Amino acid sequence: MPTPAVPSSWSQAEIQSSQSKQRHIPPDEQNKVFSWKHVRDIVETNRLDVFRRKPSERIVYKAWCKDIIATYGSITAYLCVERLGWGPFPESFAESGPVFDYHDPTPFADPRDFKILRNDWPYGSFATNITHLIVWSKPRIQTNPVNGLMTPESRQLVDAFVQRTFVKILEPDDPLARRRVLWFKNWRALQSMRRLDHIHVLVRDALRSVADEWTGEKEVG
């Protein structure tokens, strides 16, 4: 059994999050597919609670969470060990989540302090031409302590990172590439992984080879 990289006490909150009830979805909307236009509207109006996994996917996801927690002690530990390769400080504790040694305190300023991965559990309600990436950050992204929303400074910082990391890669072949990239950060109540800071990046019509370059790993399947 792999040695958990973080305290297993974190698993209790993760179990509650992974098994929390999803808001009621009318039967005729359960398999609805969100087009890029619809996704853009949701992100731009910050109605992030609309995004969801299909009921069938949620059942599989909850079973996966249960197995991972049983093996690693927590999903956080699994991500640190298997997906990110990051070792947090031993004094990290449950309330704060893992604390890492980083090269720059500004999120996304140093490539050694963040990692881009495909979302292992993307929202199945997205159209198939939408690539769902997650950018994990060692430094914490500043949010409002009252409502959990990003501060204006954080939004500006993340937007600049997304432009130089994703949009500029696409621009040589598409001058309007900015229209093909969206990003968002779930507020705390919506987060299933609250202890590892991250943002979501959505790209329309991204070539698999380009996504492989961003993540440094080839897509399986």
Protein backbone atom coordinates (compact mmCIF):
# COMPACT_ATOMS: atom_id res chain seq x y z
CA MET A 1 0.00 0.00 0.00
CA PRO A 2 1.43 3.43 -0.93
CA THR A 3 2.37 5.62 2.02
CA PRO A 4 -0.04 8.57 2.23
CA ALA A 5 1.72 11.85 1.52
CA VAL A 6 -0.65 13.80 3.75
CA PRO A 7 -2.58 13.09 6.95
CA SER A 8 -5.31 10.50 6.45
CA SER A 9 -7.58 12.65 8.64
CA TRP A 10 -8.25 14.67 5.52
CA SER A 11 -10.15 11.73 4.13
CA GLN A 12 -13.24 12.39 6.24
CA ALA A 13 -13.93 15.73 4.57
CA GLU A 14 -13.18 14.22 1.17
CA ILE A 15 -15.61 11.37 1.78
CA GLN A 16 -18.33 13.85 2.68
CA SER A 17 -17.57 15.93 -0.41
CA SER A 18 -17.47 12.99 -2.82
CA GLN A 19 -20.72 11.58 -1.44
CA SER A 20 -22.58 14.87 -1.10
CA LYS A 21 -25.92 15.03 -2.81
CA GLN A 22 -26.01 16.76 -6.13
CA ARG A 23 -28.69 19.33 -6.73
CA HIS A 24 -31.82 17.86 -8.27
CA ILE A 25 -31.64 17.60 -12.05
CA PRO A 26 -34.91 17.11 -13.96
CA PRO A 27 -34.88 13.82 -15.91
CA ASP A 28 -35.06 15.62 -19.25
CA GLU A 29 -31.85 17.54 -18.41
CA GLN A 30 -29.76 14.70 -16.94
CA ASN A 31 -28.11 13.85 -20.25
CA LYS A 32 -28.07 17.35 -21.67
CA VAL A 33 -24.86 18.24 -23.52
CA PHE A 34 -23.45 21.73 -23.03
CA SER A 35 -22.19 23.34 -26.21
CA TRP A 36 -19.22 25.72 -26.18
CA LYS A 37 -21.60 28.67 -26.41
CA HIS A 38 -23.52 27.43 -23.38
CA VAL A 39 -20.34 26.74 -21.42
CA ARG A 40 -19.01 30.21 -22.19
CA ASP A 41 -22.22 31.80 -20.97
CA ILE A 42 -22.07 29.83 -17.72
CA VAL A 43 -18.44 30.76 -17.04
CA GLU A 44 -18.90 34.41 -17.90
CA THR A 45 -21.91 34.71 -15.59
CA ASN A 46 -20.21 32.62 -12.86
CA ARG A 47 -23.08 30.12 -12.65
CA LEU A 48 -20.59 27.34 -12.01
CA ASP A 49 -23.03 25.27 -9.98
CA VAL A 50 -24.71 24.37 -13.29
CA PHE A 51 -21.74 22.22 -14.30
CA ARG A 52 -22.18 18.60 -13.32
CA ARG A 53 -21.35 15.02 -14.00
CA LYS A 54 -24.07 12.82 -15.39
CA PRO A 55 -25.80 10.61 -12.79
CA SER A 56 -24.18 7.46 -14.22
CA GLU A 57 -20.73 9.09 -14.06
CA ARG A 58 -21.31 10.28 -10.52
CA ILE A 59 -21.97 6.71 -9.36
CA VAL A 60 -18.66 5.55 -10.84
CA TYR A 61 -16.85 8.61 -9.46
CA LYS A 62 -18.11 7.98 -5.92
CA ALA A 63 -16.99 4.35 -6.12
CA TRP A 64 -13.56 5.47 -7.35
CA CYS A 65 -13.26 7.95 -4.46
CA LYS A 66 -14.07 5.19 -1.98
CA ASP A 67 -11.38 2.89 -3.40
CA ILE A 68 -8.76 5.65 -3.55
CA ILE A 69 -9.40 6.73 0.04
CA ALA A 70 -9.19 3.12 1.20
CA THR A 71 -5.81 2.70 -0.53
CA TYR A 72 -4.10 6.07 -0.03
CA GLY A 73 -5.86 7.48 3.02
CA SER A 74 -7.18 10.45 1.06
CA ILE A 75 -7.66 11.67 -2.51
CA THR A 76 -5.25 14.47 -1.70
CA ALA A 77 -2.56 11.90 -0.92
CA TYR A 78 -3.27 10.04 -4.17
CA LEU A 79 -2.93 13.23 -6.20
CA CYS A 80 0.28 14.27 -4.44
CA VAL A 81 1.87 10.83 -4.86
CA GLU A 82 0.59 9.58 -8.20
CA ARG A 83 -0.38 12.60 -10.30
CA LEU A 84 1.64 15.57 -9.08
CA GLY A 85 4.74 14.07 -7.49
CA TRP A 86 4.68 16.76 -4.82
CA GLY A 87 5.72 16.14 -1.22
CA PRO A 88 4.09 18.52 1.27
CA PHE A 89 5.73 19.63 4.50
CA PRO A 90 5.19 17.07 7.30
CA GLU A 91 3.61 19.78 9.47
CA SER A 92 0.76 20.25 7.00
CA PHE A 93 -2.53 19.72 8.80
CA ALA A 94 -6.13 18.97 7.96
CA GLU A 95 -7.55 22.47 8.15
CA SER A 96 -5.02 24.07 5.82
CA GLY A 97 -4.38 21.24 3.43
CA PRO A 98 -0.88 20.39 2.15
CA VAL A 99 1.75 23.11 2.32
CA PHE A 100 4.53 22.90 -0.25
CA ASP A 101 7.96 24.37 -0.70
CA TYR A 102 7.75 26.60 -3.78
CA HIS A 103 10.14 28.68 -5.84
CA ASP A 104 7.91 31.76 -6.20
CA PRO A 105 5.06 32.76 -3.87
CA THR A 106 3.08 34.12 -6.83
CA PRO A 107 0.83 31.41 -8.30
CA PHE A 108 1.77 30.30 -11.84
CA ALA A 109 4.91 32.47 -11.92
CA ASP A 110 7.36 29.54 -11.89
CA PRO A 111 6.70 26.38 -13.95
CA ARG A 112 8.12 24.28 -11.13
CA ASP A 113 5.28 25.43 -8.88
CA PHE A 114 2.34 24.30 -11.02
CA LYS A 115 1.32 21.32 -13.09
CA ILE A 116 -1.16 21.03 -15.95
CA LEU A 117 -3.11 17.77 -16.16
CA ARG A 118 -6.16 16.53 -17.96
CA ASN A 119 -9.15 16.29 -15.66
CA ASP A 120 -9.29 12.58 -14.83
CA TRP A 121 -13.02 13.00 -14.17
CA PRO A 122 -14.23 15.63 -16.66
CA TYR A 123 -17.82 16.75 -16.74
CA GLY A 124 -19.56 14.40 -19.15
CA SER A 125 -22.09 17.09 -19.86
CA PHE A 126 -19.52 18.98 -21.95
CA ALA A 127 -19.51 18.61 -25.73
CA THR A 128 -16.83 16.19 -26.92
CA ASN A 129 -14.81 18.94 -28.62
CA ILE A 130 -14.07 20.58 -25.25
CA THR A 131 -10.80 19.60 -23.55
CA HIS A 132 -10.99 19.92 -19.76
CA LEU A 133 -7.65 20.63 -18.08
CA ILE A 134 -6.77 21.35 -14.46
CA VAL A 135 -3.82 23.48 -13.40
CA TRP A 136 -2.64 22.59 -9.89
CA SER A 137 -0.72 25.21 -7.92
CA LYS A 138 1.66 24.91 -4.98
CA PRO A 139 1.21 28.55 -3.86
CA ARG A 140 -2.32 29.35 -2.75
CA ILE A 141 -4.53 31.46 -5.01
CA GLN A 142 -5.89 34.37 -3.04
CA THR A 143 -9.64 34.38 -2.41
CA ASN A 144 -12.08 36.43 -0.40
CA PRO A 145 -12.25 34.80 3.07
CA VAL A 146 -15.94 35.69 3.39
CA ASN A 147 -17.43 34.31 0.19
CA GLY A 148 -14.59 32.17 -1.18
CA LEU A 149 -14.53 34.04 -4.51
CA MET A 150 -11.32 35.06 -6.20
CA THR A 151 -10.00 38.55 -5.57
CA PRO A 152 -9.69 40.95 -8.54
CA GLU A 153 -5.90 40.64 -8.26
CA SER A 154 -6.08 36.85 -8.44
CA ARG A 155 -8.37 36.93 -11.45
CA GLN A 156 -5.97 39.25 -13.26
CA LEU A 157 -3.02 37.00 -12.39
CA VAL A 158 -4.76 33.83 -13.58
CA ASP A 159 -6.05 35.45 -16.74
CA ALA A 160 -2.53 36.55 -17.68
CA PHE A 161 -1.26 33.00 -17.05
CA VAL A 162 -3.98 31.45 -19.22
CA GLN A 163 -3.28 33.87 -22.05
CA ARG A 164 0.44 33.19 -22.17
CA THR A 165 0.20 29.46 -21.53
CA PHE A 166 -2.79 28.41 -23.62
CA VAL A 167 -4.00 31.18 -25.91
CA LYS A 168 -0.58 32.09 -27.30
CA ILE A 169 0.09 28.45 -28.20
CA LEU A 170 -3.05 28.43 -30.34
CA GLU A 171 -2.71 31.91 -31.88
CA PRO A 172 -0.21 31.07 -34.67
CA ASP A 173 -2.90 28.88 -36.29
CA ASP A 174 -5.89 30.86 -35.07
CA PRO A 175 -5.78 34.65 -34.54
CA LEU A 176 -9.08 34.36 -32.64
CA ALA A 177 -7.76 31.70 -30.27
CA ARG A 178 -8.80 33.72 -27.24
CA ARG A 179 -12.40 32.76 -28.03
CA ARG A 180 -11.48 29.08 -27.72
CA VAL A 181 -10.15 29.21 -24.15
CA LEU A 182 -12.05 29.63 -20.89
CA TRP A 183 -11.01 29.25 -17.29
CA PHE A 184 -12.73 29.22 -13.91
CA LYS A 185 -12.08 28.47 -10.26
CA ASN A 186 -14.89 26.91 -8.29
CA TRP A 187 -15.80 28.72 -5.12
CA ARG A 188 -15.32 26.72 -1.95
CA ALA A 189 -18.84 25.28 -1.71
CA LEU A 190 -18.46 23.69 -5.17
CA GLN A 191 -14.98 22.25 -4.71
CA SER A 192 -14.53 18.51 -4.39
CA MET A 193 -10.75 18.96 -3.90
CA ARG A 194 -10.47 21.85 -1.46
CA ARG A 195 -7.01 21.10 -0.12
CA LEU A 196 -5.08 21.38 -3.38
CA ASP A 197 -5.46 24.73 -5.07
CA HIS A 198 -6.31 24.59 -8.76
CA ILE A 199 -8.11 26.22 -11.66
CA HIS A 200 -10.05 24.65 -14.53
CA VAL A 201 -9.15 25.45 -18.14
CA LEU A 202 -11.45 24.59 -21.03
CA VAL A 203 -10.23 24.60 -24.63
CA ARG A 204 -12.41 24.20 -27.69
CA ASP A 205 -11.16 22.08 -30.61
CA ALA A 206 -7.71 21.47 -29.16
CA LEU A 207 -5.56 18.97 -31.04
CA ARG A 208 -4.63 15.97 -28.93
CA SER A 209 -0.96 16.65 -29.63
CA VAL A 210 -1.29 20.18 -28.26
CA ALA A 211 -3.03 18.94 -25.11
CA ASP A 212 -0.25 16.34 -24.75
CA GLU A 213 2.29 19.16 -24.90
CA TRP A 214 0.50 21.15 -22.21
CA THR A 215 0.24 18.20 -19.85
CA GLY A 216 3.47 16.42 -20.66
CA GLU A 217 1.63 13.11 -20.98
CA LYS A 218 -0.22 11.36 -23.74
CA GLU A 219 -3.97 10.92 -23.51
CA VAL A 220 -5.03 7.34 -22.88
CA GLY A 221 -7.62 5.95 -25.28
